[in-house]
Amino acid sequence: MQVSVADAKNKLPELIKAVEAGEPVTICRRGVPVVDIVRTKKPAKRKPKFGTLRGKIRIFDPDWWKPLTDKEAQELFGGE
């Protein structure tokens, strides 16, 4: 399929659907082909690499995950 630049501007969603369906699309300026729209390959899923942050994270308080006692909360946040 060949379309002009003006038609491509007005019909971009339709052109994208055509390319997804496997139809080649060429955009022409004054009848001269300037751009081919092609479907990209699906990106490969990367498998997670566990342990990449090992040694880069320091835990200063090993009990950081434990809830605060009432006294600690009072000291940190004040209260009524």
N, C-alpha and C. Protein backbone atom coordinates (compact mmCIF):
# COMPACT_ATOMS: atom_id res chain seq x y z
N MET A 1 0.85 -1.17 0.00
CA MET A 1 0.00 0.00 0.00
C MET A 1 0.89 1.24 0.00
N GLN A 2 0.56 2.21 -0.83
CA GLN A 2 1.28 3.48 -0.84
C GLN A 2 0.30 4.59 -0.51
N VAL A 3 0.72 5.49 0.37
CA VAL A 3 -0.13 6.62 0.76
C VAL A 3 0.70 7.89 0.76
N SER A 4 0.03 9.02 0.60
CA SER A 4 0.72 10.30 0.66
C SER A 4 0.95 10.68 2.12
N VAL A 5 1.81 11.67 2.32
CA VAL A 5 2.09 12.13 3.68
C VAL A 5 0.79 12.65 4.33
N ALA A 6 0.00 13.40 3.58
CA ALA A 6 -1.25 13.95 4.11
C ALA A 6 -2.20 12.82 4.51
N ASP A 7 -2.34 11.79 3.67
CA ASP A 7 -3.20 10.66 4.01
C ASP A 7 -2.66 9.91 5.22
N ALA A 8 -1.36 9.80 5.30
CA ALA A 8 -0.75 9.10 6.44
C ALA A 8 -1.06 9.83 7.74
N LYS A 9 -1.03 11.17 7.70
CA LYS A 9 -1.34 11.95 8.90
C LYS A 9 -2.79 11.70 9.35
N ASN A 10 -3.68 11.62 8.38
CA ASN A 10 -5.10 11.49 8.68
C ASN A 10 -5.51 10.05 9.02
N LYS A 11 -4.73 9.08 8.55
CA LYS A 11 -5.13 7.68 8.69
C LYS A 11 -4.11 6.83 9.44
N LEU A 12 -3.34 7.45 10.30
CA LEU A 12 -2.28 6.71 10.98
C LEU A 12 -2.78 5.48 11.74
N PRO A 13 -3.86 5.56 12.52
CA PRO A 13 -4.31 4.34 13.21
C PRO A 13 -4.67 3.20 12.24
N GLU A 14 -5.27 3.55 11.11
CA GLU A 14 -5.61 2.53 10.11
C GLU A 14 -4.35 1.93 9.50
N LEU A 15 -3.35 2.77 9.25
CA LEU A 15 -2.10 2.27 8.67
C LEU A 15 -1.39 1.34 9.64
N ILE A 16 -1.42 1.70 10.91
CA ILE A 16 -0.78 0.85 11.92
C ILE A 16 -1.46 -0.52 11.96
N LYS A 17 -2.79 -0.53 11.90
CA LYS A 17 -3.51 -1.81 11.89
C LYS A 17 -3.14 -2.63 10.65
N ALA A 18 -2.98 -1.96 9.50
CA ALA A 18 -2.62 -2.68 8.28
C ALA A 18 -1.23 -3.30 8.42
N VAL A 19 -0.32 -2.55 8.99
CA VAL A 19 1.05 -3.08 9.17
C VAL A 19 1.03 -4.25 10.15
N GLU A 20 0.24 -4.13 11.22
CA GLU A 20 0.13 -5.23 12.18
C GLU A 20 -0.42 -6.48 11.51
N ALA A 21 -1.26 -6.29 10.51
CA ALA A 21 -1.85 -7.42 9.79
C ALA A 21 -0.89 -7.99 8.75
N GLY A 22 0.27 -7.36 8.58
CA GLY A 22 1.26 -7.89 7.66
C GLY A 22 1.34 -7.17 6.32
N GLU A 23 0.54 -6.12 6.13
CA GLU A 23 0.57 -5.39 4.85
C GLU A 23 1.66 -4.32 4.90
N PRO A 24 2.54 -4.30 3.91
CA PRO A 24 3.57 -3.24 3.90
C PRO A 24 2.96 -1.90 3.53
N VAL A 25 3.41 -0.84 4.20
CA VAL A 25 2.91 0.51 3.93
C VAL A 25 4.09 1.41 3.59
N THR A 26 3.97 2.13 2.48
CA THR A 26 4.99 3.09 2.06
C THR A 26 4.37 4.47 2.01
N ILE A 27 5.02 5.42 2.65
CA ILE A 27 4.55 6.81 2.62
C ILE A 27 5.36 7.55 1.56
N CYS A 28 4.63 8.26 0.68
CA CYS A 28 5.26 8.96 -0.44
C CYS A 28 5.08 10.47 -0.31
N ARG A 29 6.08 11.20 -0.74
CA ARG A 29 6.00 12.66 -0.83
C ARG A 29 6.11 13.01 -2.32
N ARG A 30 5.05 13.61 -2.82
CA ARG A 30 4.97 13.97 -4.24
C ARG A 30 5.23 12.76 -5.14
N GLY A 31 4.70 11.62 -4.73
CA GLY A 31 4.81 10.41 -5.52
C GLY A 31 6.12 9.65 -5.35
N VAL A 32 7.03 10.18 -4.55
CA VAL A 32 8.32 9.53 -4.34
C VAL A 32 8.31 8.84 -2.97
N PRO A 33 8.55 7.53 -2.93
CA PRO A 33 8.58 6.83 -1.64
C PRO A 33 9.67 7.38 -0.73
N VAL A 34 9.28 7.69 0.53
CA VAL A 34 10.26 8.23 1.48
C VAL A 34 10.36 7.41 2.76
N VAL A 35 9.26 6.72 3.11
CA VAL A 35 9.26 5.99 4.38
C VAL A 35 8.50 4.68 4.20
N ASP A 36 9.06 3.61 4.75
CA ASP A 36 8.36 2.34 4.83
C ASP A 36 8.01 2.10 6.29
N ILE A 37 6.77 1.75 6.53
CA ILE A 37 6.37 1.40 7.88
C ILE A 37 6.41 -0.12 7.98
N VAL A 38 7.17 -0.62 8.94
CA VAL A 38 7.31 -2.06 9.11
C VAL A 38 6.96 -2.44 10.53
N ARG A 39 6.52 -3.66 10.69
CA ARG A 39 6.19 -4.17 12.01
C ARG A 39 7.48 -4.52 12.75
N THR A 40 7.54 -4.16 14.00
CA THR A 40 8.70 -4.51 14.80
C THR A 40 8.55 -5.92 15.33
N LYS A 41 9.66 -6.51 15.67
CA LYS A 41 9.62 -7.84 16.29
C LYS A 41 9.22 -7.67 17.74
N LYS A 42 8.55 -8.67 18.26
CA LYS A 42 8.17 -8.61 19.66
C LYS A 42 9.42 -8.62 20.52
N PRO A 43 9.46 -7.76 21.54
CA PRO A 43 10.64 -7.76 22.41
C PRO A 43 10.71 -9.07 23.19
N ALA A 44 11.91 -9.57 23.32
CA ALA A 44 12.12 -10.81 24.07
C ALA A 44 11.96 -10.51 25.55
N LYS A 45 11.25 -11.38 26.25
CA LYS A 45 11.11 -11.20 27.69
C LYS A 45 12.43 -11.54 28.36
N ARG A 46 12.86 -10.63 29.18
CA ARG A 46 14.09 -10.88 29.93
C ARG A 46 13.75 -11.61 31.21
N LYS A 47 14.53 -12.60 31.50
CA LYS A 47 14.35 -13.30 32.75
C LYS A 47 15.01 -12.48 33.85
N PRO A 48 14.37 -12.39 35.01
CA PRO A 48 14.97 -11.62 36.10
C PRO A 48 16.28 -12.25 36.56
N LYS A 49 17.23 -11.39 36.83
CA LYS A 49 18.52 -11.86 37.35
C LYS A 49 18.54 -11.56 38.84
N PHE A 50 18.39 -12.60 39.61
CA PHE A 50 18.37 -12.43 41.05
C PHE A 50 19.80 -12.27 41.58
N GLY A 51 19.91 -11.44 42.59
CA GLY A 51 21.21 -11.23 43.21
C GLY A 51 22.01 -10.10 42.62
N THR A 52 21.42 -9.32 41.70
CA THR A 52 22.19 -8.24 41.06
C THR A 52 22.47 -7.09 42.02
N LEU A 53 21.71 -6.98 43.11
CA LEU A 53 21.94 -5.90 44.08
C LEU A 53 22.71 -6.38 45.31
N ARG A 54 23.16 -7.62 45.27
CA ARG A 54 23.90 -8.15 46.41
C ARG A 54 25.14 -7.29 46.67
N GLY A 55 25.28 -6.87 47.92
CA GLY A 55 26.43 -6.06 48.32
C GLY A 55 26.22 -4.57 48.09
N LYS A 56 25.12 -4.18 47.45
CA LYS A 56 24.87 -2.77 47.17
C LYS A 56 23.87 -2.14 48.13
N ILE A 57 23.19 -2.97 48.91
CA ILE A 57 22.20 -2.48 49.87
C ILE A 57 22.72 -2.74 51.27
N ARG A 58 22.72 -1.68 52.07
CA ARG A 58 23.15 -1.82 53.46
C ARG A 58 21.95 -1.62 54.36
N ILE A 59 21.78 -2.50 55.33
CA ILE A 59 20.70 -2.39 56.29
C ILE A 59 21.31 -1.91 57.60
N PHE A 60 20.93 -0.70 58.02
CA PHE A 60 21.49 -0.13 59.24
C PHE A 60 20.76 -0.63 60.48
N ASP A 61 19.50 -0.94 60.36
CA ASP A 61 18.72 -1.43 61.49
C ASP A 61 18.10 -2.76 61.08
N PRO A 62 18.63 -3.86 61.58
CA PRO A 62 18.11 -5.16 61.16
C PRO A 62 16.65 -5.39 61.58
N ASP A 63 16.12 -4.60 62.50
CA ASP A 63 14.73 -4.74 62.93
C ASP A 63 13.83 -3.67 62.31
N TRP A 64 14.23 -3.12 61.17
CA TRP A 64 13.48 -2.04 60.53
C TRP A 64 12.05 -2.43 60.21
N TRP A 65 11.79 -3.66 60.00
CA TRP A 65 10.49 -4.13 59.56
C TRP A 65 9.50 -4.33 60.71
N LYS A 66 9.99 -4.33 61.94
CA LYS A 66 9.12 -4.56 63.10
C LYS A 66 8.32 -3.29 63.41
N PRO A 67 7.07 -3.46 63.87
CA PRO A 67 6.27 -2.28 64.21
C PRO A 67 6.86 -1.54 65.40
N LEU A 68 6.62 -0.23 65.44
CA LEU A 68 7.10 0.59 66.55
C LEU A 68 6.29 0.30 67.80
N THR A 69 6.96 0.41 68.94
CA THR A 69 6.22 0.33 70.20
C THR A 69 5.53 1.68 70.38
N ASP A 70 4.57 1.72 71.30
CA ASP A 70 3.87 2.98 71.56
C ASP A 70 4.84 4.07 72.00
N LYS A 71 5.83 3.70 72.80
CA LYS A 71 6.81 4.68 73.29
C LYS A 71 7.64 5.24 72.13
N GLU A 72 8.10 4.35 71.23
CA GLU A 72 8.88 4.80 70.07
C GLU A 72 8.06 5.71 69.16
N ALA A 73 6.82 5.37 68.94
CA ALA A 73 5.95 6.18 68.10
C ALA A 73 5.73 7.55 68.74
N GLN A 74 5.56 7.58 70.07
CA GLN A 74 5.38 8.85 70.78
C GLN A 74 6.62 9.73 70.62
N GLU A 75 7.81 9.13 70.73
CA GLU A 75 9.05 9.89 70.62
C GLU A 75 9.24 10.43 69.19
N LEU A 76 8.90 9.63 68.19
CA LEU A 76 9.10 10.04 66.81
C LEU A 76 8.07 11.03 66.33
N PHE A 77 6.81 10.80 66.64
CA PHE A 77 5.74 11.56 66.02
C PHE A 77 5.03 12.49 66.98
N GLY A 78 5.39 12.46 68.25
CA GLY A 78 4.68 13.27 69.22
C GLY A 78 3.29 12.70 69.45
N GLY A 79 2.50 13.37 70.11
CA GLY A 79 1.16 12.84 70.30
C GLY A 79 0.36 13.70 71.24
N GLU A 80 -0.81 13.22 71.48
CA GLU A 80 -1.72 13.98 72.33
C GLU A 80 -1.75 13.42 73.72
